[in-house]
Amino acid sequence: IPFSLLFAVFIGVMEILPFIGATLGIGTVTIILTFINWWLAIQVLIISIIIQQIKDNLIAPRIMGNLTGLPPVIIFIALLLGAKIGGLLGVILAIPLTGVIKGVTEIIGDPTLPPQTGSLFYNPFSKLSSTKELEL
């Protein structure tokens, strides 16, 4: 493939745009390759689509799941809901918000965790047995 490194960098830069970036990059490269060799353009298009689907639907959710502690299915659902509710901004914020929700539910749901300083339920004097200990 002529200019293959340039095409790969272009598709990689376009990948920054969620959902449509890789498709726009692959489409642009395919159109350019059509003017050089149409059979090569079809091959590049098919292979690129297969690789993109594997990366976006199998590999990326697993990597994000390992980094956030969320299951890949939850990440996939969070991305879909984020796109539906908030568009591009929803996609960008979907995984961090899901991680925050997971963390908050774990803290609220675990009664064995000690209360944290600054929380509504933290009383620093609850362990003192008498008022004499309060005097310094």
N, C-alpha and C. Protein backbone atom coordinates (compact mmCIF):
# COMPACT_ATOMS: atom_id res chain seq x y z
N ILE A 1 0.86 -1.17 0.00
CA ILE A 1 0.00 0.00 0.00
C ILE A 1 0.90 1.24 0.00
N PRO A 2 0.76 2.08 -0.99
CA PRO A 2 1.56 3.31 -1.00
C PRO A 2 1.09 4.27 0.10
N PHE A 3 2.03 4.94 0.71
CA PHE A 3 1.74 5.90 1.79
C PHE A 3 1.03 5.23 2.98
N SER A 4 1.34 3.99 3.25
CA SER A 4 0.63 3.25 4.31
C SER A 4 0.84 3.88 5.69
N LEU A 5 2.04 4.34 5.98
CA LEU A 5 2.29 4.97 7.28
C LEU A 5 1.49 6.26 7.43
N LEU A 6 1.43 7.04 6.37
CA LEU A 6 0.65 8.28 6.40
C LEU A 6 -0.83 7.98 6.61
N PHE A 7 -1.34 6.97 5.93
CA PHE A 7 -2.74 6.58 6.09
C PHE A 7 -3.02 6.09 7.51
N ALA A 8 -2.10 5.31 8.06
CA ALA A 8 -2.28 4.78 9.42
C ALA A 8 -2.29 5.91 10.44
N VAL A 9 -1.40 6.87 10.29
CA VAL A 9 -1.36 8.02 11.20
C VAL A 9 -2.65 8.83 11.08
N PHE A 10 -3.12 9.01 9.86
CA PHE A 10 -4.36 9.76 9.64
C PHE A 10 -5.55 9.07 10.33
N ILE A 11 -5.67 7.76 10.16
CA ILE A 11 -6.76 7.02 10.81
C ILE A 11 -6.61 7.09 12.33
N GLY A 12 -5.38 7.01 12.83
CA GLY A 12 -5.15 7.11 14.27
C GLY A 12 -5.55 8.46 14.83
N VAL A 13 -5.25 9.52 14.11
CA VAL A 13 -5.64 10.86 14.56
C VAL A 13 -7.16 11.01 14.51
N MET A 14 -7.78 10.47 13.50
CA MET A 14 -9.24 10.54 13.39
C MET A 14 -9.93 9.72 14.48
N GLU A 15 -9.23 8.75 15.02
CA GLU A 15 -9.78 7.89 16.08
C GLU A 15 -10.10 8.68 17.35
N ILE A 16 -9.55 9.88 17.47
CA ILE A 16 -9.83 10.73 18.63
C ILE A 16 -11.32 11.04 18.72
N LEU A 17 -11.97 11.19 17.58
CA LEU A 17 -13.41 11.44 17.58
C LEU A 17 -14.15 10.14 17.88
N PRO A 18 -14.89 10.08 18.97
CA PRO A 18 -15.58 8.83 19.31
C PRO A 18 -16.65 8.47 18.28
N PHE A 19 -16.81 7.21 18.06
CA PHE A 19 -17.82 6.61 17.19
C PHE A 19 -17.60 6.89 15.71
N ILE A 20 -17.39 8.14 15.30
CA ILE A 20 -17.32 8.42 13.87
C ILE A 20 -15.90 8.63 13.36
N GLY A 21 -14.94 8.82 14.23
CA GLY A 21 -13.58 9.16 13.81
C GLY A 21 -12.93 8.10 12.96
N ALA A 22 -12.93 6.87 13.44
CA ALA A 22 -12.29 5.79 12.68
C ALA A 22 -13.01 5.56 11.36
N THR A 23 -14.32 5.65 11.37
CA THR A 23 -15.10 5.46 10.15
C THR A 23 -14.76 6.54 9.12
N LEU A 24 -14.67 7.78 9.57
CA LEU A 24 -14.28 8.86 8.65
C LEU A 24 -12.87 8.66 8.12
N GLY A 25 -11.96 8.24 9.00
CA GLY A 25 -10.58 8.01 8.57
C GLY A 25 -10.48 6.87 7.56
N ILE A 26 -11.15 5.76 7.86
CA ILE A 26 -11.12 4.61 6.94
C ILE A 26 -11.79 4.97 5.62
N GLY A 27 -12.90 5.70 5.70
CA GLY A 27 -13.59 6.12 4.47
C GLY A 27 -12.73 7.01 3.60
N THR A 28 -12.05 7.96 4.22
CA THR A 28 -11.18 8.87 3.47
C THR A 28 -10.03 8.12 2.81
N VAL A 29 -9.40 7.22 3.57
CA VAL A 29 -8.29 6.44 3.01
C VAL A 29 -8.79 5.55 1.88
N THR A 30 -9.96 4.96 2.03
CA THR A 30 -10.51 4.10 0.98
C THR A 30 -10.79 4.90 -0.29
N ILE A 31 -11.32 6.10 -0.14
CA ILE A 31 -11.59 6.93 -1.32
C ILE A 31 -10.29 7.29 -2.03
N ILE A 32 -9.27 7.64 -1.27
CA ILE A 32 -7.97 7.97 -1.88
C ILE A 32 -7.38 6.76 -2.58
N LEU A 33 -7.47 5.59 -1.93
CA LEU A 33 -6.92 4.37 -2.53
C LEU A 33 -7.70 3.93 -3.77
N THR A 34 -8.96 4.31 -3.87
CA THR A 34 -9.75 3.96 -5.05
C THR A 34 -9.14 4.56 -6.31
N PHE A 35 -8.56 5.74 -6.19
CA PHE A 35 -7.93 6.37 -7.36
C PHE A 35 -6.63 5.69 -7.75
N ILE A 36 -6.01 4.97 -6.80
CA ILE A 36 -4.76 4.27 -7.08
C ILE A 36 -5.04 2.86 -7.58
N ASN A 37 -5.84 2.10 -6.82
CA ASN A 37 -6.14 0.71 -7.17
C ASN A 37 -7.44 0.34 -6.46
N TRP A 38 -8.52 0.17 -7.19
CA TRP A 38 -9.83 -0.07 -6.58
C TRP A 38 -9.89 -1.40 -5.83
N TRP A 39 -9.20 -2.44 -6.33
CA TRP A 39 -9.21 -3.73 -5.64
C TRP A 39 -8.48 -3.62 -4.29
N LEU A 40 -7.39 -2.90 -4.26
CA LEU A 40 -6.66 -2.66 -3.02
C LEU A 40 -7.53 -1.85 -2.04
N ALA A 41 -8.28 -0.90 -2.56
CA ALA A 41 -9.16 -0.09 -1.72
C ALA A 41 -10.24 -0.95 -1.06
N ILE A 42 -10.80 -1.89 -1.78
CA ILE A 42 -11.82 -2.79 -1.22
C ILE A 42 -11.21 -3.67 -0.14
N GLN A 43 -10.01 -4.19 -0.40
CA GLN A 43 -9.34 -5.03 0.60
C GLN A 43 -9.04 -4.24 1.88
N VAL A 44 -8.53 -3.04 1.72
CA VAL A 44 -8.23 -2.20 2.88
C VAL A 44 -9.51 -1.87 3.64
N LEU A 45 -10.58 -1.58 2.94
CA LEU A 45 -11.85 -1.28 3.59
C LEU A 45 -12.36 -2.45 4.42
N ILE A 46 -12.36 -3.64 3.85
CA ILE A 46 -12.86 -4.83 4.55
C ILE A 46 -12.00 -5.14 5.77
N ILE A 47 -10.69 -5.16 5.60
CA ILE A 47 -9.80 -5.48 6.72
C ILE A 47 -9.88 -4.40 7.80
N SER A 48 -9.96 -3.15 7.41
CA SER A 48 -10.05 -2.06 8.40
C SER A 48 -11.34 -2.14 9.21
N ILE A 49 -12.44 -2.47 8.56
CA ILE A 49 -13.71 -2.58 9.28
C ILE A 49 -13.66 -3.73 10.27
N ILE A 50 -13.09 -4.86 9.86
CA ILE A 50 -12.98 -6.01 10.77
C ILE A 50 -12.12 -5.66 11.98
N ILE A 51 -10.97 -5.03 11.73
CA ILE A 51 -10.07 -4.66 12.84
C ILE A 51 -10.73 -3.63 13.75
N GLN A 52 -11.42 -2.66 13.17
CA GLN A 52 -12.09 -1.63 13.97
C GLN A 52 -13.17 -2.25 14.86
N GLN A 53 -13.95 -3.17 14.33
CA GLN A 53 -15.01 -3.79 15.13
C GLN A 53 -14.44 -4.63 16.27
N ILE A 54 -13.38 -5.36 15.99
CA ILE A 54 -12.74 -6.16 17.05
C ILE A 54 -12.19 -5.24 18.14
N LYS A 55 -11.52 -4.17 17.73
CA LYS A 55 -10.94 -3.24 18.70
C LYS A 55 -12.02 -2.54 19.52
N ASP A 56 -13.03 -2.01 18.86
CA ASP A 56 -14.04 -1.23 19.57
C ASP A 56 -14.98 -2.06 20.43
N ASN A 57 -15.26 -3.28 20.02
CA ASN A 57 -16.27 -4.07 20.73
C ASN A 57 -15.70 -5.16 21.63
N LEU A 58 -14.44 -5.54 21.45
CA LEU A 58 -13.86 -6.58 22.28
C LEU A 58 -12.68 -6.09 23.11
N ILE A 59 -11.72 -5.47 22.47
CA ILE A 59 -10.47 -5.11 23.16
C ILE A 59 -10.63 -3.87 24.03
N ALA A 60 -11.19 -2.79 23.49
CA ALA A 60 -11.29 -1.53 24.25
C ALA A 60 -12.12 -1.67 25.52
N PRO A 61 -13.29 -2.33 25.50
CA PRO A 61 -14.02 -2.47 26.77
C PRO A 61 -13.25 -3.28 27.82
N ARG A 62 -12.47 -4.27 27.40
CA ARG A 62 -11.69 -5.04 28.37
C ARG A 62 -10.59 -4.18 29.00
N ILE A 63 -9.92 -3.39 28.17
CA ILE A 63 -8.85 -2.52 28.69
C ILE A 63 -9.44 -1.49 29.65
N MET A 64 -10.55 -0.85 29.24
CA MET A 64 -11.19 0.13 30.12
C MET A 64 -11.70 -0.53 31.39
N GLY A 65 -12.18 -1.76 31.27
CA GLY A 65 -12.64 -2.50 32.45
C GLY A 65 -11.52 -2.78 33.42
N ASN A 66 -10.36 -3.14 32.90
CA ASN A 66 -9.21 -3.39 33.77
C ASN A 66 -8.74 -2.11 34.45
N LEU A 67 -8.83 -1.00 33.76
CA LEU A 67 -8.38 0.27 34.34
C LEU A 67 -9.36 0.83 35.36
N THR A 68 -10.65 0.61 35.14
CA THR A 68 -11.66 1.20 36.02
C THR A 68 -12.24 0.23 37.03
N GLY A 69 -12.03 -1.06 36.83
CA GLY A 69 -12.63 -2.06 37.71
C GLY A 69 -14.07 -2.37 37.36
N LEU A 70 -14.53 -1.87 36.23
CA LEU A 70 -15.89 -2.13 35.77
C LEU A 70 -15.89 -3.28 34.77
N PRO A 71 -16.92 -4.11 34.77
CA PRO A 71 -17.00 -5.17 33.76
C PRO A 71 -17.17 -4.58 32.36
N PRO A 72 -16.62 -5.24 31.32
CA PRO A 72 -16.73 -4.72 29.96
C PRO A 72 -18.17 -4.49 29.50
N VAL A 73 -19.10 -5.33 29.94
CA VAL A 73 -20.50 -5.16 29.55
C VAL A 73 -21.05 -3.85 30.11
N ILE A 74 -20.70 -3.54 31.34
CA ILE A 74 -21.16 -2.29 31.96
C ILE A 74 -20.57 -1.09 31.22
N ILE A 75 -19.31 -1.19 30.81
CA ILE A 75 -18.68 -0.10 30.06
C ILE A 75 -19.38 0.10 28.72
N PHE A 76 -19.67 -1.00 28.04
CA PHE A 76 -20.35 -0.92 26.75
C PHE A 76 -21.73 -0.28 26.91
N ILE A 77 -22.48 -0.71 27.93
CA ILE A 77 -23.80 -0.13 28.18
C ILE A 77 -23.69 1.34 28.57
N ALA A 78 -22.69 1.67 29.38
CA ALA A 78 -22.49 3.07 29.79
C ALA A 78 -22.19 3.95 28.59
N LEU A 79 -21.37 3.46 27.66
CA LEU A 79 -21.07 4.24 26.46
C LEU A 79 -22.31 4.44 25.60
N LEU A 80 -23.11 3.38 25.46
CA LEU A 80 -24.34 3.51 24.67
C LEU A 80 -25.32 4.49 25.32
N LEU A 81 -25.49 4.37 26.63
CA LEU A 81 -26.38 5.29 27.33
C LEU A 81 -25.85 6.72 27.30
N GLY A 82 -24.54 6.87 27.45
CA GLY A 82 -23.95 8.20 27.38
C GLY A 82 -24.16 8.84 26.02
N ALA A 83 -24.03 8.05 24.96
CA ALA A 83 -24.26 8.57 23.61
C ALA A 83 -25.72 8.95 23.42
N LYS A 84 -26.61 8.12 23.93
CA LYS A 84 -28.05 8.38 23.77
C LYS A 84 -28.48 9.62 24.56
N ILE A 85 -27.98 9.74 25.78
CA ILE A 85 -28.42 10.83 26.66
C ILE A 85 -27.69 12.14 26.35
N GLY A 86 -26.36 12.07 26.20
CA GLY A 86 -25.60 13.31 26.11
C GLY A 86 -24.80 13.51 24.84
N GLY A 87 -24.95 12.63 23.85
CA GLY A 87 -24.20 12.79 22.62
C GLY A 87 -22.71 12.60 22.84
N LEU A 88 -21.91 13.44 22.21
CA LEU A 88 -20.45 13.33 22.31
C LEU A 88 -19.98 13.56 23.75
N LEU A 89 -20.53 14.55 24.41
CA LEU A 89 -20.16 14.80 25.81
C LEU A 89 -20.55 13.63 26.69
N GLY A 90 -21.67 13.01 26.41
CA GLY A 90 -22.09 11.84 27.17
C GLY A 90 -21.15 10.67 27.01
N VAL A 91 -20.62 10.49 25.80
CA VAL A 91 -19.65 9.42 25.57
C VAL A 91 -18.36 9.69 26.33
N ILE A 92 -17.93 10.94 26.33
CA ILE A 92 -16.69 11.29 27.02
C ILE A 92 -16.83 11.10 28.53
N LEU A 93 -17.99 11.43 29.08
CA LEU A 93 -18.18 11.37 30.53
C LEU A 93 -18.77 10.05 31.03
N ALA A 94 -19.16 9.16 30.14
CA ALA A 94 -19.87 7.94 30.54
C ALA A 94 -19.04 7.06 31.47
N ILE A 95 -17.81 6.78 31.13
CA ILE A 95 -17.01 5.86 31.94
C ILE A 95 -16.60 6.49 33.28
N PRO A 96 -16.13 7.74 33.32
CA PRO A 96 -15.83 8.32 34.63
C PRO A 96 -17.06 8.40 35.55
N LEU A 97 -18.21 8.76 35.00
CA LEU A 97 -19.42 8.83 35.83
C LEU A 97 -19.84 7.45 36.31
N THR A 98 -19.69 6.44 35.47
CA THR A 98 -20.01 5.08 35.89
C THR A 98 -19.08 4.63 37.00
N GLY A 99 -17.80 4.98 36.90
CA GLY A 99 -16.86 4.64 37.96
C GLY A 99 -17.19 5.33 39.27
N VAL A 100 -17.62 6.59 39.19
CA VAL A 100 -18.01 7.32 40.40
C VAL A 100 -19.25 6.67 41.03
N ILE A 101 -20.22 6.33 40.19
CA ILE A 101 -21.44 5.68 40.70
C ILE A 101 -21.09 4.35 41.36
N LYS A 102 -20.19 3.60 40.75
CA LYS A 102 -19.78 2.32 41.34
C LYS A 102 -19.11 2.55 42.70
N GLY A 103 -18.21 3.52 42.77
CA GLY A 103 -17.52 3.80 44.02
C GLY A 103 -18.46 4.25 45.13
N VAL A 104 -19.39 5.12 44.79
CA VAL A 104 -20.34 5.61 45.79
C VAL A 104 -21.23 4.47 46.29
N THR A 105 -21.71 3.64 45.38
CA THR A 105 -22.56 2.52 45.82
C THR A 105 -21.79 1.52 46.66
N GLU A 106 -20.50 1.33 46.38
CA GLU A 106 -19.69 0.45 47.22
C GLU A 106 -19.51 1.02 48.62
N ILE A 107 -19.29 2.32 48.70
CA ILE A 107 -19.11 2.96 50.01
C ILE A 107 -20.41 2.93 50.81
N ILE A 108 -21.50 3.26 50.17
CA ILE A 108 -22.79 3.27 50.87
C ILE A 108 -23.21 1.86 51.25
N GLY A 109 -22.95 0.91 50.39
CA GLY A 109 -23.42 -0.45 50.62
C GLY A 109 -22.57 -1.28 51.55
N ASP A 110 -21.40 -0.80 51.97
CA ASP A 110 -20.53 -1.59 52.83
C ASP A 110 -20.52 -1.00 54.25
N PRO A 111 -21.28 -1.61 55.16
CA PRO A 111 -21.34 -1.04 56.52
C PRO A 111 -20.07 -1.26 57.33
N THR A 112 -19.17 -2.11 56.85
CA THR A 112 -17.94 -2.37 57.60
C THR A 112 -16.88 -1.30 57.39
N LEU A 113 -17.07 -0.44 56.40
CA LEU A 113 -16.09 0.63 56.18
C LEU A 113 -16.20 1.66 57.30
N PRO A 114 -15.06 2.12 57.82
CA PRO A 114 -15.12 3.16 58.85
C PRO A 114 -15.55 4.48 58.22
N PRO A 115 -16.23 5.33 58.98
CA PRO A 115 -16.61 6.63 58.43
C PRO A 115 -15.36 7.46 58.13
N GLN A 116 -15.44 8.25 57.11
CA GLN A 116 -14.30 9.05 56.67
C GLN A 116 -14.34 10.43 57.32
N THR A 117 -13.19 11.01 57.54
CA THR A 117 -13.10 12.36 58.08
C THR A 117 -13.77 13.33 57.12
N GLY A 118 -14.59 14.18 57.65
CA GLY A 118 -15.28 15.16 56.83
C GLY A 118 -16.63 14.69 56.35
N SER A 119 -16.98 13.44 56.59
CA SER A 119 -18.29 12.97 56.16
C SER A 119 -19.35 13.39 57.17
N LEU A 120 -20.59 13.25 56.81
CA LEU A 120 -21.68 13.62 57.70
C LEU A 120 -21.75 12.73 58.94
N PHE A 121 -21.25 11.52 58.81
CA PHE A 121 -21.39 10.55 59.89
C PHE A 121 -20.14 10.43 60.75
N TYR A 122 -19.14 11.26 60.52
CA TYR A 122 -17.89 11.15 61.27
C TYR A 122 -17.97 12.00 62.53
N ASN A 123 -17.75 11.38 63.65
CA ASN A 123 -17.72 12.08 64.93
C ASN A 123 -16.38 11.77 65.59
N PRO A 124 -15.44 12.69 65.60
CA PRO A 124 -14.11 12.39 66.14
C PRO A 124 -14.11 12.13 67.64
N PHE A 125 -15.16 12.54 68.35
CA PHE A 125 -15.20 12.39 69.80
C PHE A 125 -15.98 11.16 70.24
N SER A 126 -16.46 10.37 69.31
CA SER A 126 -17.29 9.23 69.68
C SER A 126 -16.51 8.15 70.41
N LYS A 127 -15.19 8.09 70.26
CA LYS A 127 -14.39 7.06 70.90
C LYS A 127 -13.92 7.47 72.29
N LEU A 128 -14.12 8.73 72.64
CA LEU A 128 -13.68 9.22 73.95
C LEU A 128 -14.70 8.80 75.00
N SER A 129 -14.20 8.32 76.10
CA SER A 129 -15.11 7.80 77.13
C SER A 129 -15.55 8.87 78.12
N SER A 130 -14.78 9.92 78.27
CA SER A 130 -15.18 10.95 79.24
C SER A 130 -14.81 12.32 78.71
N THR A 131 -15.36 13.33 79.32
CA THR A 131 -15.05 14.69 78.90
C THR A 131 -13.68 15.12 79.37
N LYS A 132 -13.10 14.40 80.32
CA LYS A 132 -11.77 14.73 80.82
C LYS A 132 -10.73 14.57 79.71
N GLU A 133 -10.95 13.62 78.83
CA GLU A 133 -10.00 13.39 77.74
C GLU A 133 -10.04 14.51 76.71
N LEU A 134 -11.14 15.26 76.70
CA LEU A 134 -11.26 16.35 75.74
C LEU A 134 -10.37 17.53 76.11
N GLU A 135 -10.05 17.69 77.37
CA GLU A 135 -9.22 18.80 77.81
C GLU A 135 -7.77 18.53 77.45
N LEU A 136 -7.12 19.52 76.93
CA LEU A 136 -5.73 19.36 76.52
C LEU A 136 -4.78 20.04 77.45
